[in-house]
Amino acid sequence: MNIKNKILYWVPKILAILFGAFLIVFGGYDDSPGAQGLGLILIIATVVLTVRNRKRKRL
């Protein structure tokens, strides 16, 4: 896997986690539990799907 493929693999995942963190912080300032919940779901889903995908590629 060359560097371009690694960048294209990891950048969207990192951006999704950062956006989830932004939703959690913004939801806290705005006093919106819905935004915080969506941010948490986005972060958890991204991590779970990434780990599951990495395990499948190794097998």
C-alpha atoms as a PDB file:
ATOM      1  CA  MET A   1       0.000   0.000   0.000  1.00  0.00           C
ATOM      2  CA  ASN A   2       1.620   3.226  -1.090  1.00  0.00           C
ATOM      3  CA  ILE A   3       1.363   6.567   0.701  1.00  0.00           C
ATOM      4  CA  LYS A   4      -1.422   7.938  -1.514  1.00  0.00           C
ATOM      5  CA  ASN A   5      -3.676   4.975  -0.761  1.00  0.00           C
ATOM      6  CA  LYS A   6      -2.947   5.252   2.956  1.00  0.00           C
ATOM      7  CA  ILE A   7      -3.881   8.935   2.917  1.00  0.00           C
ATOM      8  CA  LEU A   8      -7.075   8.243   0.985  1.00  0.00           C
ATOM      9  CA  TYR A   9      -7.913   5.460   3.462  1.00  0.00           C
ATOM     10  CA  TRP A  10      -7.332   7.390   6.711  1.00  0.00           C
ATOM     11  CA  VAL A  11      -8.293  11.024   5.952  1.00  0.00           C
ATOM     12  CA  PRO A  12     -12.085  10.469   5.677  1.00  0.00           C
ATOM     13  CA  LYS A  13     -12.072   8.449   8.885  1.00  0.00           C
ATOM     14  CA  ILE A  14     -10.122  11.104  10.769  1.00  0.00           C
ATOM     15  CA  LEU A  15     -12.413  13.829   9.422  1.00  0.00           C
ATOM     16  CA  ALA A  16     -15.497  11.863  10.531  1.00  0.00           C
ATOM     17  CA  ILE A  17     -14.100  11.530  14.065  1.00  0.00           C
ATOM     18  CA  LEU A  18     -13.205  15.232  14.187  1.00  0.00           C
ATOM     19  CA  PHE A  19     -16.682  16.169  12.949  1.00  0.00           C
ATOM     20  CA  GLY A  20     -18.214  13.937  15.630  1.00  0.00           C
ATOM     21  CA  ALA A  21     -16.102  15.685  18.269  1.00  0.00           C
ATOM     22  CA  PHE A  22     -17.218  19.044  16.873  1.00  0.00           C
ATOM     23  CA  LEU A  23     -20.866  17.981  17.159  1.00  0.00           C
ATOM     24  CA  ILE A  24     -20.352  16.940  20.773  1.00  0.00           C
ATOM     25  CA  VAL A  25     -18.701  20.252  21.704  1.00  0.00           C
ATOM     26  CA  PHE A  26     -21.149  22.373  19.688  1.00  0.00           C
ATOM     27  CA  GLY A  27     -24.086  20.449  21.148  1.00  0.00           C
ATOM     28  CA  GLY A  28     -22.766  21.212  24.627  1.00  0.00           C
ATOM     29  CA  TYR A  29     -22.601  24.928  23.930  1.00  0.00           C
ATOM     30  CA  ASP A  30     -25.978  24.939  22.233  1.00  0.00           C
ATOM     31  CA  ASP A  31     -27.496  22.733  24.970  1.00  0.00           C
ATOM     32  CA  SER A  32     -28.621  20.258  22.330  1.00  0.00           C
ATOM     33  CA  PRO A  33     -28.533  16.610  23.401  1.00  0.00           C
ATOM     34  CA  GLY A  34     -29.460  15.526  19.868  1.00  0.00           C
ATOM     35  CA  ALA A  35     -26.290  16.982  18.363  1.00  0.00           C
ATOM     36  CA  GLN A  36     -24.189  15.439  21.119  1.00  0.00           C
ATOM     37  CA  GLY A  37     -25.808  12.055  20.550  1.00  0.00           C
ATOM     38  CA  LEU A  38     -25.238  12.218  16.800  1.00  0.00           C
ATOM     39  CA  GLY A  39     -21.603  13.141  17.364  1.00  0.00           C
ATOM     40  CA  LEU A  40     -21.113  10.223  19.741  1.00  0.00           C
ATOM     41  CA  ILE A  41     -22.827   7.801  17.343  1.00  0.00           C
ATOM     42  CA  LEU A  42     -20.663   9.065  14.466  1.00  0.00           C
ATOM     43  CA  ILE A  43     -17.446   8.556  16.431  1.00  0.00           C
ATOM     44  CA  ILE A  44     -18.413   5.087  17.672  1.00  0.00           C
ATOM     45  CA  ALA A  45     -19.601   3.947  14.239  1.00  0.00           C
ATOM     46  CA  THR A  46     -16.417   5.164  12.564  1.00  0.00           C
ATOM     47  CA  VAL A  47     -14.177   3.395  15.063  1.00  0.00           C
ATOM     48  CA  VAL A  48     -16.172   0.145  14.978  1.00  0.00           C
ATOM     49  CA  LEU A  49     -16.314   0.007  11.185  1.00  0.00           C
ATOM     50  CA  THR A  50     -12.611   0.784  10.877  1.00  0.00           C
ATOM     51  CA  VAL A  51     -11.609  -1.918  13.357  1.00  0.00           C
ATOM     52  CA  ARG A  52     -13.933  -4.462  11.760  1.00  0.00           C
ATOM     53  CA  ASN A  53     -12.622  -3.643   8.284  1.00  0.00           C
ATOM     54  CA  ARG A  54      -8.983  -3.929   9.406  1.00  0.00           C
ATOM     55  CA  LYS A  55      -9.652  -7.345  10.995  1.00  0.00           C
ATOM     56  CA  ARG A  56     -11.304  -8.643   7.819  1.00  0.00           C
ATOM     57  CA  LYS A  57      -8.372  -7.511   5.661  1.00  0.00           C
ATOM     58  CA  ARG A  58      -5.886  -9.389   7.855  1.00  0.00           C
ATOM     59  CA  LEU A  59      -7.752 -12.694   7.599  1.00  0.00           C
END
